[in-house]
Amino acid sequence: MTALDTVLQDKDTTTQGDLHVSFELGDRSWKLSCSDGTRSPSRYSVNAGDQAAVLDCMEKARARCGLDPRAKVHTCYEAGRDGWWLHRWLRDQGIDSIVVDSSSIEVNRRAKRAKTDRLDADKLLALLLRYHRGERRVWSVVHEPTAQEEDARRTHREIGRLMHERTAHTNRIGSLLVMHNLRPGRIGGRTWQSWWDDHCMQVPALLRAEIEREYARLVLAKQQLNALEAERRHEVAEGAHPIVAQLAKLRAIGPRGAWILDKELFGWRRFANRRELAGCLGLAPTPTPAAPRRANKASARRATSEHARSWWSWHGGG
């Protein structure tokens, strides 16, 4: 027979444990789901980016769960548009934080799945609890770059966007001209201005004004692109990026590709083995189902047997 526990009047009944908090980040509001792993989740909604409200919700969740005010807090959220500022701020507050790759979160694909911010926050909370209980494969944790490493990626990403803008403006001008059976050689090249002066009166006035505005945007994009590329070449020539200079010496790798490999791959990422490197580059092998593999093997054996018989007959065999 088990005796009932007697709680003394001055005995501290605070549960010794950790608080787990998941964030579902939205444009206007954030959903927080909090639990110590034994009680049902506490759900809060705060304005997006309201740091004081986030800390207040954590204090309320600690009190509801009966935790010590100094209990450790574990948080998680999906990698997205907010980037790393929230992760760094939480670390500065002494809060354990992890950022999760959203594509790695397990999903039941055999049934329809309700999807709301509250349900997503609860799902993240359940996975966070499993993660801290030892199930490390419930998701993939994104490794954090430093603020300097993150900022170093801005140049080539802006260059990529400017290249897309340049192509879009060029294609747009070409499409507008084709409507009137005008086909210039190279839009924006050295001979473009003289060609346009000779043919601009062949298009209506409003369309002519639209093409000129589109060309002005094209010129601006090209100027910014040339300035960024010149600055990047100057930095490499001055020895500010030694890894880029070393990679550019290899065959089939130019200055632009060397820069991207340095800033996106070799500059700050760390790989434990070749499999992690292949997975980052999208080169991980795709498993083949067992049945088609057996069929392929059988087909290969038949083809080998037929080839052997043909070879034997051709060389005078029986």
Protein backbone atom coordinates (compact mmCIF):
# COMPACT_ATOMS: atom_id res chain seq x y z
CA MET A 1 0.00 0.00 0.00
CA THR A 2 1.42 3.34 -0.98
CA ALA A 3 1.22 6.16 1.51
CA LEU A 4 0.10 9.57 0.35
CA ASP A 5 2.78 12.24 0.15
CA THR A 6 2.35 14.97 2.71
CA VAL A 7 3.31 18.46 1.57
CA LEU A 8 4.58 20.66 4.34
CA GLN A 9 3.31 24.20 4.45
CA ASP A 10 6.73 25.74 3.87
CA LYS A 11 7.94 23.18 1.32
CA ASP A 12 8.92 24.42 -2.15
CA THR A 13 6.74 22.63 -4.72
CA THR A 14 8.36 24.24 -7.80
CA THR A 15 9.03 21.68 -10.53
CA GLN A 16 12.67 21.53 -11.53
CA GLY A 17 12.73 21.43 -15.32
CA ASP A 18 13.24 23.37 -18.53
CA LEU A 19 10.83 25.41 -20.57
CA HIS A 20 10.49 24.68 -24.28
CA VAL A 21 9.20 27.36 -26.64
CA SER A 22 8.48 27.18 -30.36
CA PHE A 23 7.96 30.19 -32.63
CA GLU A 24 5.74 30.39 -35.66
CA LEU A 25 6.88 33.61 -37.30
CA GLY A 26 4.45 35.64 -39.38
CA ASP A 27 4.55 39.03 -41.04
CA ARG A 28 2.33 40.75 -38.49
CA SER A 29 2.17 38.41 -35.51
CA TRP A 30 4.08 35.55 -33.94
CA LYS A 31 2.59 32.47 -32.33
CA LEU A 32 4.41 31.01 -29.32
CA SER A 33 3.75 27.56 -27.93
CA CYS A 34 5.32 26.86 -24.51
CA SER A 35 5.50 23.74 -22.34
CA ASP A 36 7.75 21.95 -19.86
CA GLY A 37 6.96 18.56 -21.43
CA THR A 38 4.45 17.48 -18.79
CA ARG A 39 1.67 20.05 -19.13
CA SER A 40 -0.39 21.01 -22.15
CA PRO A 41 1.05 23.86 -24.20
CA SER A 42 0.50 27.49 -23.34
CA ARG A 43 -0.19 29.52 -26.46
CA TYR A 44 0.53 33.20 -26.89
CA SER A 45 0.30 35.68 -29.73
CA VAL A 46 2.57 38.74 -29.92
CA ASN A 47 3.24 41.41 -32.49
CA ALA A 48 6.02 40.49 -34.89
CA GLY A 49 9.38 41.61 -33.54
CA ASP A 50 8.08 42.59 -30.07
CA GLN A 51 11.02 41.41 -27.96
CA ALA A 52 9.61 42.59 -24.62
CA ALA A 53 6.37 40.69 -25.27
CA VAL A 54 8.34 37.52 -26.05
CA LEU A 55 10.19 37.67 -22.72
CA ASP A 56 6.91 38.40 -20.89
CA CYS A 57 5.27 35.32 -22.46
CA MET A 58 8.20 33.16 -21.33
CA GLU A 59 7.84 34.45 -17.76
CA LYS A 60 4.12 33.68 -17.82
CA ALA A 61 4.79 30.18 -19.17
CA ARG A 62 7.38 29.54 -16.43
CA ALA A 63 4.86 30.56 -13.77
CA ARG A 64 2.09 28.40 -15.27
CA CYS A 65 4.36 25.35 -15.41
CA GLY A 66 5.60 25.92 -11.86
CA LEU A 67 9.19 26.28 -12.98
CA ASP A 68 11.96 28.13 -11.26
CA PRO A 69 12.27 31.72 -12.59
CA ARG A 70 15.84 30.84 -13.57
CA ALA A 71 14.87 27.65 -15.40
CA LYS A 72 16.60 27.19 -18.74
CA VAL A 73 14.60 27.97 -21.88
CA HIS A 74 14.97 26.06 -25.16
CA THR A 75 13.51 27.64 -28.31
CA CYS A 76 13.25 26.84 -32.00
CA TYR A 77 11.86 28.37 -35.17
CA GLU A 78 11.99 27.64 -38.88
CA ALA A 79 14.61 29.31 -41.04
CA GLY A 80 12.99 31.99 -43.15
CA ARG A 81 12.79 35.67 -43.92
CA ASP A 82 13.63 36.83 -40.39
CA GLY A 83 17.09 35.36 -40.79
CA TRP A 84 19.38 35.15 -37.79
CA TRP A 85 18.62 38.25 -35.75
CA LEU A 86 16.09 36.47 -33.52
CA HIS A 87 18.46 33.56 -32.95
CA ARG A 88 21.28 35.91 -31.94
CA TRP A 89 19.02 37.98 -29.71
CA LEU A 90 17.78 34.88 -27.89
CA ARG A 91 21.36 33.74 -27.34
CA ASP A 92 22.19 37.17 -25.92
CA GLN A 93 19.34 36.72 -23.42
CA GLY A 94 20.85 33.43 -22.24
CA ILE A 95 18.20 31.37 -24.05
CA ASP A 96 19.10 28.23 -25.96
CA SER A 97 17.98 28.58 -29.57
CA ILE A 98 18.10 26.43 -32.70
CA VAL A 99 17.02 27.26 -36.25
CA VAL A 100 15.41 24.42 -38.17
CA ASP A 101 15.40 23.63 -41.88
CA SER A 102 11.70 23.71 -42.73
CA SER A 103 12.06 21.13 -45.51
CA SER A 104 13.39 18.57 -43.01
CA ILE A 105 10.36 18.62 -40.69
CA GLU A 106 8.52 15.33 -40.79
CA VAL A 107 5.02 15.42 -42.30
CA ASN A 108 2.36 12.72 -42.50
CA ARG A 109 1.72 12.47 -46.24
CA ARG A 110 -0.96 9.76 -46.01
CA ALA A 111 -3.74 12.06 -44.90
CA LYS A 112 -4.87 15.61 -45.32
CA ARG A 113 -3.13 17.92 -42.89
CA ALA A 114 -4.71 20.95 -41.26
CA LYS A 115 -2.35 23.89 -41.34
CA THR A 116 -2.64 26.96 -39.14
CA ASP A 117 -0.06 29.01 -37.28
CA ARG A 118 -1.23 27.58 -33.96
CA LEU A 119 -1.03 23.98 -35.17
CA ASP A 120 2.40 24.59 -36.73
CA ALA A 121 3.68 26.05 -33.45
CA ASP A 122 2.37 23.02 -31.53
CA LYS A 123 4.00 20.69 -34.04
CA LEU A 124 7.34 22.45 -33.65
CA LEU A 125 7.00 22.27 -29.87
CA ALA A 126 6.40 18.52 -29.95
CA LEU A 127 9.45 18.03 -32.17
CA LEU A 128 11.53 20.30 -29.92
CA LEU A 129 10.66 18.15 -26.92
CA ARG A 130 11.60 15.00 -28.81
CA TYR A 131 14.83 16.63 -29.96
CA HIS A 132 15.93 17.45 -26.41
CA ARG A 133 14.98 13.95 -25.25
CA GLY A 134 17.59 12.53 -27.61
CA GLU A 135 15.84 12.08 -30.97
CA ARG A 136 18.32 14.07 -33.04
CA ARG A 137 16.89 12.98 -36.41
CA VAL A 138 13.50 14.65 -36.10
CA TRP A 139 14.82 17.55 -38.20
CA SER A 140 17.94 19.22 -39.54
CA VAL A 141 19.43 22.10 -37.60
CA VAL A 142 20.78 24.99 -39.68
CA HIS A 143 24.30 26.08 -38.78
CA GLU A 144 24.65 29.75 -37.94
CA PRO A 145 27.11 31.97 -39.82
CA THR A 146 28.70 34.88 -38.05
CA ALA A 147 27.44 38.38 -38.77
CA GLN A 148 30.53 39.05 -40.91
CA GLU A 149 30.14 35.79 -42.86
CA GLU A 150 26.47 36.52 -43.45
CA ASP A 151 27.24 40.03 -44.65
CA ALA A 152 29.95 38.73 -47.01
CA ARG A 153 27.26 36.98 -49.07
CA ARG A 154 25.48 40.18 -50.01
CA THR A 155 27.70 41.19 -52.95
CA HIS A 156 27.30 38.15 -55.18
CA ARG A 157 23.61 37.81 -54.34
CA GLU A 158 22.98 41.40 -55.40
CA ILE A 159 25.00 40.78 -58.56
CA GLY A 160 22.80 37.79 -59.33
CA ARG A 161 19.63 39.86 -58.91
CA LEU A 162 21.02 42.63 -61.12
CA MET A 163 21.85 40.10 -63.83
CA HIS A 164 18.27 38.85 -63.75
CA GLU A 165 17.00 42.42 -63.92
CA ARG A 166 19.25 43.15 -66.90
CA THR A 167 17.93 40.11 -68.74
CA ALA A 168 14.32 40.98 -67.88
CA HIS A 169 14.63 44.56 -69.16
CA THR A 170 16.35 43.40 -72.35
CA ASN A 171 13.70 40.78 -73.05
CA ARG A 172 10.93 43.26 -72.34
CA ILE A 173 12.30 45.82 -74.80
CA GLY A 174 12.74 43.13 -77.44
CA SER A 175 9.16 41.90 -76.98
CA LEU A 176 7.76 45.42 -77.30
CA LEU A 177 9.71 46.03 -80.51
CA VAL A 178 8.67 42.75 -82.10
CA MET A 179 5.05 43.91 -81.86
CA HIS A 180 5.93 46.35 -84.65
CA ASN A 181 8.27 44.05 -86.59
CA LEU A 182 11.42 45.70 -85.24
CA ARG A 183 14.30 43.38 -84.41
CA PRO A 184 17.46 45.13 -83.20
CA GLY A 185 20.72 43.25 -82.97
CA ARG A 186 21.82 43.75 -79.37
CA ILE A 187 19.66 45.81 -77.06
CA GLY A 188 21.79 48.10 -74.93
CA GLY A 189 24.97 47.56 -76.95
CA ARG A 190 27.22 50.14 -78.56
CA THR A 191 25.05 50.50 -81.66
CA TRP A 192 21.75 50.57 -79.78
CA GLN A 193 21.38 54.35 -79.51
CA SER A 194 21.96 54.99 -83.22
CA TRP A 195 19.57 52.16 -84.13
CA TRP A 196 16.92 53.53 -81.82
CA ASP A 197 17.29 57.06 -83.23
CA ASP A 198 16.63 55.66 -86.72
CA HIS A 199 13.62 53.50 -85.76
CA CYS A 200 11.99 55.18 -82.76
CA MET A 201 9.43 57.00 -84.94
CA GLN A 202 8.10 53.66 -86.25
CA VAL A 203 6.40 52.91 -82.91
CA PRO A 204 3.48 54.85 -81.31
CA ALA A 205 4.27 57.64 -78.89
CA LEU A 206 3.14 55.91 -75.69
CA LEU A 207 4.99 52.72 -76.57
CA ARG A 208 8.08 54.74 -77.44
CA ALA A 209 7.98 56.39 -74.01
CA GLU A 210 7.57 53.00 -72.32
CA ILE A 211 10.57 51.57 -74.16
CA GLU A 212 12.70 54.57 -73.18
CA ARG A 213 11.76 54.18 -69.51
CA GLU A 214 12.53 50.48 -69.72
CA TYR A 215 15.88 51.28 -71.29
CA ALA A 216 16.66 53.79 -68.51
CA ARG A 217 16.11 51.02 -65.94
CA LEU A 218 18.33 48.74 -68.01
CA VAL A 219 21.12 51.33 -68.02
CA LEU A 220 20.85 51.76 -64.23
CA ALA A 221 21.02 48.00 -63.63
CA LYS A 222 24.07 47.70 -65.89
CA GLN A 223 25.83 50.59 -64.16
CA GLN A 224 25.30 49.09 -60.71
CA LEU A 225 26.35 45.66 -61.96
CA ASN A 226 29.56 46.98 -63.49
CA ALA A 227 30.39 48.91 -60.31
CA LEU A 228 29.93 45.86 -58.08
CA GLU A 229 31.97 43.61 -60.33
CA ALA A 230 34.77 46.19 -60.55
CA GLU A 231 34.83 46.51 -56.76
CA ARG A 232 34.98 42.74 -56.40
CA ARG A 233 37.85 42.42 -58.87
CA HIS A 234 39.75 45.14 -57.02
CA GLU A 235 39.33 43.37 -53.67
CA VAL A 236 40.57 40.06 -55.10
CA ALA A 237 43.56 41.79 -56.72
CA GLU A 238 44.44 43.41 -53.39
CA GLY A 239 44.53 40.00 -51.68
CA ALA A 240 41.46 40.53 -49.48
CA HIS A 241 39.99 37.16 -50.52
CA PRO A 242 42.79 34.55 -50.74
CA ILE A 243 40.44 31.57 -51.11
CA VAL A 244 38.81 33.20 -54.16
CA ALA A 245 42.23 33.77 -55.71
CA GLN A 246 43.25 30.14 -55.14
CA LEU A 247 40.01 28.72 -56.54
CA ALA A 248 40.23 30.96 -59.62
CA LYS A 249 43.52 29.27 -60.55
CA LEU A 250 41.73 25.96 -61.13
CA ARG A 251 40.44 25.05 -64.54
CA ALA A 252 36.71 25.51 -65.24
CA ILE A 253 36.36 27.91 -62.27
CA GLY A 254 36.22 31.60 -63.08
CA PRO A 255 36.33 34.57 -60.73
CA ARG A 256 32.55 34.67 -60.36
CA GLY A 257 32.24 30.97 -59.55
CA ALA A 258 35.23 31.12 -57.19
CA TRP A 259 33.61 33.97 -55.28
CA ILE A 260 30.34 32.05 -54.84
CA LEU A 261 32.15 28.89 -53.74
CA ASP A 262 34.06 30.86 -51.13
CA LYS A 263 31.18 32.88 -49.71
CA GLU A 264 28.50 30.20 -49.85
CA LEU A 265 30.43 26.97 -49.34
CA PHE A 266 34.04 26.91 -48.23
CA GLY A 267 34.16 30.24 -46.44
CA TRP A 268 32.11 29.39 -43.33
CA ARG A 269 30.45 26.00 -43.68
CA ARG A 270 32.05 22.98 -42.02
CA PHE A 271 31.61 19.45 -43.38
CA ALA A 272 32.36 16.34 -41.37
CA ASN A 273 32.48 14.00 -44.38
CA ARG A 274 31.91 13.79 -48.13
CA ARG A 275 28.26 12.90 -47.66
CA GLU A 276 27.53 16.22 -45.94
CA LEU A 277 29.32 18.08 -48.73
CA ALA A 278 27.34 16.21 -51.40
CA GLY A 279 24.08 16.85 -49.56
CA CYS A 280 24.79 20.59 -49.39
CA LEU A 281 25.44 20.65 -53.14
CA GLY A 282 22.37 18.57 -53.96
CA LEU A 283 24.43 15.56 -55.06
CA ALA A 284 23.14 13.06 -52.49
CA PRO A 285 22.14 9.75 -54.16
CA THR A 286 18.47 8.87 -54.52
CA PRO A 287 17.62 5.36 -53.32
CA THR A 288 16.12 3.05 -55.94
CA PRO A 289 13.12 0.85 -54.97
CA ALA A 290 13.92 -2.83 -54.57
CA ALA A 291 11.54 -4.15 -57.24
CA PRO A 292 12.79 -2.01 -60.16
CA ARG A 293 16.35 -2.78 -59.14
CA ARG A 294 15.66 -6.54 -59.37
CA ALA A 295 14.02 -5.97 -62.74
CA ASN A 296 17.01 -4.01 -63.96
CA LYS A 297 19.35 -6.76 -62.81
CA ALA A 298 17.24 -9.39 -64.57
CA SER A 299 17.23 -7.34 -67.76
CA ALA A 300 20.98 -6.92 -67.52
CA ARG A 301 21.46 -10.66 -67.08
CA ARG A 302 19.27 -11.40 -70.11
CA ALA A 303 21.13 -8.85 -72.21
CA THR A 304 24.46 -10.31 -71.11
CA SER A 305 23.30 -13.85 -71.95
CA GLU A 306 22.03 -12.79 -75.38
CA HIS A 307 25.27 -10.95 -76.08
CA ALA A 308 27.27 -13.99 -75.02
CA ARG A 309 25.20 -16.29 -77.26
CA SER A 310 25.58 -13.93 -80.21
CA TRP A 311 29.31 -13.72 -79.68
CA TRP A 312 29.54 -17.53 -79.42
CA SER A 313 27.50 -18.05 -82.64
CA TRP A 314 29.46 -15.40 -84.52
CA HIS A 315 32.74 -17.10 -83.65
CA GLY A 316 31.55 -20.53 -84.77
CA GLY A 317 30.28 -21.94 -81.54
CA GLY A 318 27.58 -24.61 -81.33
